[in-house]
N, C-alpha and C. Protein backbone atom coordinates (compact mmCIF):
# COMPACT_ATOMS: atom_id res chain seq x y z
N MET A 1 1.49 -1.44 -0.47
CA MET A 1 -0.07 0.21 0.13
C MET A 1 0.64 1.53 -0.04
N ASP A 2 0.78 2.22 -1.07
CA ASP A 2 1.49 2.61 -1.20
C ASP A 2 0.58 4.50 -0.56
N VAL A 3 1.50 5.07 0.08
CA VAL A 3 0.51 6.30 0.83
C VAL A 3 0.90 8.01 -0.01
N SER A 4 0.43 8.33 -0.53
CA SER A 4 0.72 9.78 -0.53
C SER A 4 1.68 10.25 -0.13
N PRO A 5 2.44 11.40 -0.56
CA PRO A 5 2.39 12.50 0.01
C PRO A 5 1.78 12.87 1.13
N GLU A 6 1.27 13.68 -0.17
CA GLU A 6 -0.43 14.39 0.77
C GLU A 6 -0.84 14.05 2.22
N THR A 7 -1.26 12.30 1.81
CA THR A 7 -2.03 11.47 2.85
C THR A 7 -0.97 11.88 4.34
N TRP A 8 0.04 11.89 4.61
CA TRP A 8 1.31 11.81 5.46
C TRP A 8 1.12 13.43 6.32
N ARG A 9 0.05 14.39 5.73
CA ARG A 9 0.18 15.63 6.40
C ARG A 9 -1.19 15.07 7.08
N TRP A 10 -2.05 14.09 6.50
CA TRP A 10 -3.41 13.84 7.69
C TRP A 10 -3.53 12.81 8.84
N ILE A 11 -2.03 11.99 8.27
CA ILE A 11 -1.53 10.27 9.07
C ILE A 11 -1.01 11.81 10.64
N TRP A 12 -0.27 12.63 10.52
CA TRP A 12 0.42 13.17 11.02
C TRP A 12 0.08 13.36 12.29
N LEU A 13 -0.79 14.64 11.75
CA LEU A 13 -1.54 15.25 12.44
C LEU A 13 -2.78 14.11 13.34
N VAL A 14 -3.02 13.19 12.69
CA VAL A 14 -4.06 12.16 13.92
C VAL A 14 -2.42 11.42 14.86
N ILE A 15 -1.85 11.16 13.85
CA ILE A 15 -1.05 11.05 15.11
C ILE A 15 -0.42 11.76 16.68
N ALA A 16 -0.16 12.84 16.01
CA ALA A 16 -0.15 14.02 17.85
C ALA A 16 -1.78 14.52 17.88
N GLY A 17 -2.96 14.82 17.49
CA GLY A 17 -4.37 14.44 18.63
C GLY A 17 -4.29 13.30 19.01
N VAL A 18 -3.98 11.85 18.52
CA VAL A 18 -4.08 10.95 19.35
C VAL A 18 -3.31 10.32 20.55
N LEU A 19 -1.26 11.43 20.12
CA LEU A 19 -0.92 11.35 21.38
C LEU A 19 -0.61 12.32 22.93
N ILE A 20 -1.01 13.64 21.76
CA ILE A 20 -1.65 14.50 22.75
C ILE A 20 -2.89 13.88 23.17
N ALA A 21 -4.14 14.25 22.96
CA ALA A 21 -4.84 13.25 24.03
C ALA A 21 -4.84 11.97 24.97
N GLY A 22 -4.09 11.11 24.56
CA GLY A 22 -3.65 9.98 25.24
C GLY A 22 -2.82 10.49 26.37
N GLU A 23 -2.04 11.55 26.71
CA GLU A 23 -1.81 12.54 27.75
C GLU A 23 -2.33 12.61 29.27
N MET A 24 -3.59 12.64 28.86
CA MET A 24 -4.60 12.99 29.80
C MET A 24 -5.11 11.45 30.02
N PHE A 25 -5.09 10.29 29.96
CA PHE A 25 -5.39 9.47 30.25
C PHE A 25 -3.88 8.34 30.83
N VAL A 26 -2.82 9.70 30.87
CA VAL A 26 -2.17 7.73 30.65
C VAL A 26 -1.60 9.02 32.51
N ALA A 27 -0.85 7.96 33.24
CA ALA A 27 -0.94 8.33 34.92
C ALA A 27 0.55 8.45 35.40
N GLY A 28 0.88 9.09 35.07
CA GLY A 28 2.24 9.48 34.95
C GLY A 28 3.08 10.87 34.63
N SER A 29 3.34 11.06 34.03
CA SER A 29 4.48 13.06 34.00
C SER A 29 5.53 12.43 32.58
N PHE A 30 4.18 12.98 31.47
CA PHE A 30 4.53 13.38 30.28
C PHE A 30 5.19 12.25 29.49
N ILE A 31 4.22 11.57 29.37
CA ILE A 31 5.32 9.89 28.37
C ILE A 31 4.55 10.38 27.02
N LEU A 32 3.75 11.05 26.86
CA LEU A 32 3.15 10.29 25.31
C LEU A 32 3.40 11.81 24.78
N ILE A 33 3.19 12.90 25.57
CA ILE A 33 3.07 14.37 24.75
C ILE A 33 4.33 14.51 23.90
N PRO A 34 5.84 14.28 24.68
CA PRO A 34 6.86 14.97 23.79
C PRO A 34 7.10 14.00 22.13
N PHE A 35 6.57 12.60 21.87
CA PHE A 35 5.74 11.97 21.15
C PHE A 35 4.99 12.82 20.03
N GLY A 36 4.04 13.91 20.91
CA GLY A 36 2.63 14.12 20.56
C GLY A 36 3.46 15.77 19.93
N ILE A 37 4.70 15.77 20.76
CA ILE A 37 5.09 17.51 19.42
C ILE A 37 5.50 17.11 18.51
N SER A 38 6.42 15.92 18.27
CA SER A 38 7.43 15.33 17.40
C SER A 38 6.54 15.14 16.73
N ALA A 39 4.82 15.06 16.01
CA ALA A 39 4.53 14.51 15.42
C ALA A 39 3.74 15.46 14.66
N ALA A 40 3.70 16.41 15.52
CA ALA A 40 2.95 17.72 15.12
C ALA A 40 4.02 18.86 13.96
N VAL A 41 5.59 18.48 14.78
CA VAL A 41 6.33 19.06 14.05
C VAL A 41 6.71 18.75 12.59
N ALA A 42 6.77 17.16 12.66
CA ALA A 42 6.89 16.26 11.67
C ALA A 42 5.19 16.45 10.44
N MET A 43 3.75 16.78 10.83
CA MET A 43 2.58 16.94 9.27
C MET A 43 3.14 18.78 9.13
N VAL A 44 3.87 19.21 9.95
CA VAL A 44 4.33 21.06 10.30
C VAL A 44 4.68 20.54 8.73
N MET A 45 5.76 20.00 8.71
CA MET A 45 6.75 19.74 7.43
C MET A 45 6.25 19.25 6.58
N ALA A 46 5.57 18.38 6.46
CA ALA A 46 4.73 17.64 5.03
C ALA A 46 3.78 18.53 5.69
N PHE A 47 3.58 19.52 5.45
CA PHE A 47 2.62 20.48 4.65
C PHE A 47 3.83 21.40 3.96
N PHE A 48 4.94 20.82 4.37
CA PHE A 48 5.02 22.29 3.55
C PHE A 48 6.57 21.38 2.86
N GLY A 49 6.03 20.18 1.93
CA GLY A 49 6.48 19.11 1.40
C GLY A 49 7.96 17.98 1.44
N ALA A 50 8.76 18.20 2.98
CA ALA A 50 9.52 17.32 3.50
C ALA A 50 9.68 15.62 3.20
N PRO A 51 10.68 15.28 2.96
CA PRO A 51 10.60 14.04 2.79
C PRO A 51 10.16 13.33 3.69
N LEU A 52 9.64 11.84 3.48
CA LEU A 52 8.62 11.52 3.96
C LEU A 52 10.00 10.80 5.70
N ILE A 53 10.47 10.29 4.84
CA ILE A 53 12.56 9.93 6.03
C ILE A 53 12.44 11.08 6.41
N LEU A 54 12.95 12.73 6.18
CA LEU A 54 13.39 13.38 7.12
C LEU A 54 11.69 13.97 7.99
N ASP A 55 10.38 13.56 7.94
CA ASP A 55 9.20 13.72 8.62
C ASP A 55 9.31 12.16 9.53
N TRP A 56 9.96 11.12 9.44
CA TRP A 56 9.86 9.97 9.74
C TRP A 56 11.50 9.92 11.15
N VAL A 57 12.46 11.16 11.14
CA VAL A 57 13.48 11.60 11.50
C VAL A 57 13.17 11.98 12.48
N VAL A 58 12.41 13.39 12.09
CA VAL A 58 11.92 14.58 12.44
C VAL A 58 11.56 14.18 14.58
N PHE A 59 10.52 12.89 13.59
CA PHE A 59 9.12 12.41 14.74
C PHE A 59 10.35 11.61 15.98
N VAL A 60 10.62 10.58 15.33
CA VAL A 60 12.25 9.87 16.14
C VAL A 60 13.55 10.84 16.93
N GLY A 61 13.58 11.27 16.74
CA GLY A 61 14.80 12.05 16.88
C GLY A 61 14.17 13.00 17.72
N LEU A 62 13.81 13.48 17.27
CA LEU A 62 12.61 15.02 18.45
C LEU A 62 12.12 14.00 19.32
N GLY A 63 11.35 13.08 19.05
CA GLY A 63 10.77 13.17 20.56
C GLY A 63 11.47 12.14 20.87
N ALA A 64 12.48 11.59 20.56
CA ALA A 64 13.53 10.99 21.80
C ALA A 64 13.97 12.21 22.89
N VAL A 65 14.43 13.55 21.43
CA VAL A 65 15.00 14.09 23.27
C VAL A 65 14.06 15.04 23.71
N LEU A 66 13.20 15.43 23.71
CA LEU A 66 12.67 16.03 24.48
C LEU A 66 11.64 15.20 24.78
N PHE A 67 11.31 13.83 24.95
CA PHE A 67 11.84 12.50 26.12
C PHE A 67 12.46 12.57 27.36
N SER A 68 12.87 13.05 26.92
CA SER A 68 14.57 12.69 27.76
C SER A 68 15.17 13.90 28.36
N VAL A 69 14.73 15.02 27.63
CA VAL A 69 14.50 16.65 28.17
C VAL A 69 13.13 16.32 30.03
N PHE A 70 11.72 16.12 29.12
CA PHE A 70 10.59 15.96 30.05
C PHE A 70 10.40 14.98 31.49
N TRP A 71 11.30 13.91 31.06
CA TRP A 71 11.59 12.67 31.50
C TRP A 71 12.65 13.61 33.16
N LYS A 72 13.56 13.94 32.86
CA LYS A 72 14.57 14.35 33.65
C LYS A 72 13.72 15.29 34.44
N LYS A 73 13.37 16.52 33.87
CA LYS A 73 12.46 17.69 34.59
C LYS A 73 11.67 16.75 35.88
N SER A 74 10.20 15.51 34.93
CA SER A 74 9.35 15.23 35.51
C SER A 74 10.38 14.37 36.66
N ARG A 75 11.92 13.87 36.76
CA ARG A 75 11.96 13.09 37.84
C ARG A 75 12.65 14.29 38.93
N LYS A 76 12.99 15.49 38.44
CA LYS A 76 13.64 16.03 39.60
C LYS A 76 12.14 16.64 40.11
N SER A 77 11.11 17.26 40.15
CA SER A 77 9.89 17.20 40.48
C SER A 77 9.36 15.71 41.79
N MET A 78 9.46 15.14 41.10
CA MET A 78 9.02 14.15 42.12
C MET A 78 10.29 14.05 43.11
N ALA A 79 10.74 14.68 42.71
CA ALA A 79 12.06 14.05 43.78
C ALA A 79 12.44 15.37 45.22
N ALA A 80 11.79 15.95 44.44
CA ALA A 80 11.16 17.55 45.42
C ALA A 80 10.44 17.27 46.13
N MET A 81 9.09 16.65 45.75
CA MET A 81 7.71 16.75 46.74
C MET A 81 7.67 15.69 47.46
N GLU A 82 9.56 14.49 47.19
CA GLU A 82 9.66 13.18 48.79
C GLU A 82 9.45 14.02 50.03
N SER A 83 9.14 12.76 51.36
CA SER A 83 8.09 13.43 52.19
C SER A 83 10.53 13.76 52.79
N PRO A 84 10.96 14.92 53.50
CA PRO A 84 12.26 14.82 54.53
C PRO A 84 11.88 13.66 54.95
N PRO A 85 13.26 13.39 55.26
CA PRO A 85 13.54 12.06 56.97
C PRO A 85 12.36 12.70 57.89
N GLY A 86 12.20 11.33 58.43
CA GLY A 86 11.97 12.35 60.41
C GLY A 86 10.16 12.92 59.63
N ALA A 87 9.83 12.96 58.51
CA ALA A 87 8.34 13.74 57.76
C ALA A 87 6.99 12.27 57.74
N GLY A 88 5.82 13.12 58.16
CA GLY A 88 5.33 12.08 57.61
C GLY A 88 5.46 10.45 58.86
N HIS A 89 4.57 9.45 58.38
CA HIS A 89 4.51 8.88 60.19
C HIS A 89 5.74 8.20 60.13
N ASP A 90 7.41 8.23 59.14
CA ASP A 90 8.21 7.70 59.35
C ASP A 90 8.57 8.05 60.70
N ARG A 91 8.75 9.56 61.31
CA ARG A 91 8.96 9.81 62.18
C ARG A 91 8.49 10.17 63.96
N LEU A 92 7.61 8.61 63.41
CA LEU A 92 7.50 8.34 65.45
C LEU A 92 7.81 7.29 65.53
N ILE A 93 8.72 6.14 64.32
CA ILE A 93 9.80 5.56 63.96
C ILE A 93 10.62 5.42 65.58
N GLY A 94 11.18 5.00 66.38
CA GLY A 94 11.83 5.25 67.94
C GLY A 94 11.77 6.46 69.10
N ALA A 95 10.20 7.46 69.12
CA ALA A 95 10.28 7.97 69.85
C ALA A 95 9.56 7.55 70.84
N LEU A 96 9.67 7.41 71.69
CA LEU A 96 9.33 7.47 73.37
C LEU A 96 7.67 7.75 73.98
N GLY A 97 7.40 6.71 74.38
CA GLY A 97 5.64 7.21 74.39
C GLY A 97 5.50 6.65 75.89
N GLN A 98 4.57 6.11 76.17
CA GLN A 98 3.88 5.92 77.37
C GLN A 98 2.74 5.20 77.16
N ALA A 99 2.82 4.14 77.30
CA ALA A 99 1.21 3.50 77.82
C ALA A 99 0.09 3.28 78.22
N LEU A 100 -1.03 3.84 77.10
CA LEU A 100 -2.33 4.24 78.58
C LEU A 100 -3.06 2.79 78.73
N GLU A 101 -3.12 2.08 77.42
CA GLU A 101 -4.21 0.83 78.28
C GLU A 101 -3.00 0.06 77.87
N ASP A 102 -3.45 -1.77 78.21
CA ASP A 102 -2.94 -2.68 77.59
C ASP A 102 -2.96 -2.61 77.10
N ILE A 103 -1.15 -3.28 76.42
CA ILE A 103 -1.34 -3.64 75.38
C ILE A 103 -0.93 -5.28 75.21
N PRO A 104 -2.25 -6.33 74.91
CA PRO A 104 -1.48 -7.60 74.38
C PRO A 104 -0.06 -8.02 73.73
N ASP A 105 0.24 -8.79 73.55
CA ASP A 105 0.91 -9.69 72.64
C ASP A 105 0.28 -10.20 71.05
N GLY A 106 0.99 -9.83 70.63
CA GLY A 106 0.35 -10.23 69.30
C GLY A 106 -0.65 -9.35 68.55
N PRO A 107 -1.03 -9.43 67.18
CA PRO A 107 -0.85 -8.50 66.32
C PRO A 107 -3.24 -8.61 66.04
N SER A 108 -3.41 -9.43 66.54
CA SER A 108 -5.45 -9.42 66.45
C SER A 108 -5.77 -8.22 67.20
N SER A 109 -4.84 -8.40 68.81
CA SER A 109 -5.72 -6.79 69.47
C SER A 109 -5.04 -6.04 69.74
N SER A 110 -5.31 -4.47 70.32
CA SER A 110 -4.44 -3.45 70.44
C SER A 110 -5.21 -2.45 71.54
N GLY A 111 -3.73 -1.82 71.87
CA GLY A 111 -3.46 -1.03 72.58
C GLY A 111 -3.76 0.75 72.54
N LEU A 112 -3.77 1.18 73.06
CA LEU A 112 -3.29 3.23 73.33
C LEU A 112 -2.72 3.68 74.36
N VAL A 113 -1.37 4.42 72.78
CA VAL A 113 0.17 4.91 73.80
C VAL A 113 -0.11 6.37 73.05
N LYS A 114 -0.12 7.17 74.42
CA LYS A 114 1.11 7.94 73.58
C LYS A 114 1.66 8.55 73.77
N THR A 115 2.51 9.51 72.09
CA THR A 115 3.84 9.90 71.85
C THR A 115 3.56 11.16 71.79
N GLY A 116 4.56 11.78 71.71
CA GLY A 116 4.41 13.49 71.26
C GLY A 116 3.18 14.33 71.85
N GLY A 117 2.23 13.68 72.28
CA GLY A 117 0.71 14.52 72.35
C GLY A 117 -0.40 13.89 71.18
N GLU A 118 -0.80 12.74 70.27
CA GLU A 118 -1.18 12.08 70.21
C GLU A 118 -0.88 10.56 70.69
N GLU A 119 -2.27 10.62 70.11
CA GLU A 119 -2.69 9.33 70.56
C GLU A 119 -2.80 7.83 69.56
N TRP A 120 -2.11 7.15 69.65
CA TRP A 120 -1.99 6.27 68.30
C TRP A 120 -2.36 4.76 69.11
N ARG A 121 -3.64 3.69 68.05
CA ARG A 121 -3.62 2.74 68.40
C ARG A 121 -1.88 2.11 68.21
N ALA A 122 -1.92 0.64 69.44
CA ALA A 122 -0.57 0.44 69.49
C ALA A 122 -0.65 -1.57 69.59
N ILE A 123 0.05 -1.64 68.89
CA ILE A 123 0.44 -3.39 68.89
C ILE A 123 1.78 -4.26 69.18
N SER A 124 2.12 -5.17 69.95
CA SER A 124 3.18 -5.46 71.13
C SER A 124 3.78 -7.11 70.07
N ASP A 125 4.63 -6.96 69.19
CA ASP A 125 5.54 -8.18 68.98
C ASP A 125 5.95 -8.69 69.54
N SER A 126 6.37 -7.78 71.06
CA SER A 126 7.11 -8.48 72.13
C SER A 126 7.06 -8.73 72.57
N GLY A 127 5.95 -9.22 73.67
CA GLY A 127 4.88 -9.16 74.92
C GLY A 127 4.23 -8.53 75.62
N PRO A 128 3.58 -8.55 75.71
CA PRO A 128 2.70 -7.95 76.58
C PRO A 128 2.72 -6.66 77.03
N ILE A 129 1.86 -5.92 77.11
CA ILE A 129 2.79 -3.93 77.86
C ILE A 129 2.26 -3.37 79.21
N LEU A 130 2.56 -3.55 80.45
CA LEU A 130 1.13 -2.98 80.94
C LEU A 130 0.67 -1.36 81.37
N SER A 131 -0.69 -1.17 80.84
CA SER A 131 -0.65 0.59 81.03
C SER A 131 0.34 1.02 82.28
N GLY A 132 0.62 2.92 81.70
CA GLY A 132 1.75 3.11 81.56
C GLY A 132 3.44 3.22 81.38
N SER A 133 3.70 1.71 81.40
CA SER A 133 4.92 1.98 81.29
C SER A 133 4.79 2.93 79.65
N VAL A 134 6.80 2.75 79.78
CA VAL A 134 7.52 3.94 78.91
C VAL A 134 7.45 2.93 78.02
N ILE A 135 6.86 3.37 76.40
CA ILE A 135 7.12 2.09 75.14
C ILE A 135 8.27 2.78 74.09
N GLU A 136 8.54 1.95 73.44
CA GLU A 136 9.09 2.84 71.68
C GLU A 136 8.55 2.06 70.26
N ILE A 137 8.43 3.16 69.27
CA ILE A 137 7.71 3.13 68.42
C ILE A 137 8.89 2.10 68.13
N ILE A 138 8.42 1.31 67.51
CA ILE A 138 9.42 0.64 66.34
C ILE A 138 9.55 0.53 64.34
N GLU A 139 7.94 0.28 64.00
CA GLU A 139 7.86 0.33 63.47
C GLU A 139 5.65 0.93 63.28
N VAL A 140 5.71 0.90 62.21
CA VAL A 140 4.41 1.46 61.77
C VAL A 140 3.50 0.32 61.18
N ARG A 141 2.12 -0.09 61.34
CA ARG A 141 1.87 -0.60 59.94
C ARG A 141 0.34 -0.10 59.91
N GLY A 142 0.00 0.24 58.77
CA GLY A 142 -0.74 0.81 58.53
C GLY A 142 -0.99 2.11 59.54
N THR A 143 -2.47 2.14 60.41
CA THR A 143 -2.66 2.84 61.28
C THR A 143 -2.35 2.68 62.73
N ARG A 144 -1.20 1.42 62.76
CA ARG A 144 -0.91 1.45 64.30
C ARG A 144 0.10 1.06 64.10
N VAL A 145 0.59 1.40 65.31
CA VAL A 145 2.48 1.84 65.98
C VAL A 145 2.50 0.20 66.54
N VAL A 146 3.51 -0.41 65.53
CA VAL A 146 4.41 -1.58 67.17
C VAL A 146 5.40 -1.45 68.01
N VAL A 147 5.02 -1.60 68.91
CA VAL A 147 5.84 -0.66 70.08
C VAL A 147 6.61 -1.57 70.51
N GLN A 148 7.09 -1.72 71.86
CA GLN A 148 8.31 -2.92 72.36
C GLN A 148 8.45 -1.86 74.69
N MET A 149 9.16 -2.43 75.48
CA MET A 149 9.05 -2.11 76.20
C MET A 149 10.04 -1.42 75.55
N ALA A 150 9.95 0.73 76.78
CA ALA A 150 11.81 0.69 75.97
C ALA A 150 13.02 0.82 77.19
N SER A 151 13.98 0.84 76.15
CA SER A 151 15.32 -0.14 76.40
C SER A 151 15.65 1.84 77.73
N VAL A 152 16.11 0.96 79.40
CA VAL A 152 16.84 2.41 80.11
C VAL A 152 18.27 2.53 80.25
N LYS A 153 18.34 3.82 80.08
CA LYS A 153 19.84 3.16 79.33
C LYS A 153 19.92 4.95 80.03
N ASP A 154 21.35 4.19 80.68
CA ASP A 154 22.31 5.41 82.10
C ASP A 154 22.94 6.48 81.51
């Protein structure tokens, strides 16, 4: 099947439209848009009579360059949005608190602890902990903290 050069103008237009519109449905950051832009450039070149091989070189080459640029920028912005150490629920790991209720052994039942002005449901993997004991948070599992008796340091 031999497609005329005039037909490629419209083929590039459809490719550009599909890729640019498809970007809205892709979870991620700028995966299709670089090639949509390069297809639009190839379409403009086709309207000016550029050979088909040059259109393909521009589509693939410019798309790859733009993808690289967009990828690097998106990685930098994603890294900037990451929580710093000690933020979020990870800030609780290593914190000391007090058991407000008895905490039975095992993950099936929980007690209540207070640390840093916050109250958390707590479980213990290292044996039961009595109310009033000083505890240390060793892990966060979902909405519960895993605690152990705090070791006394001299």
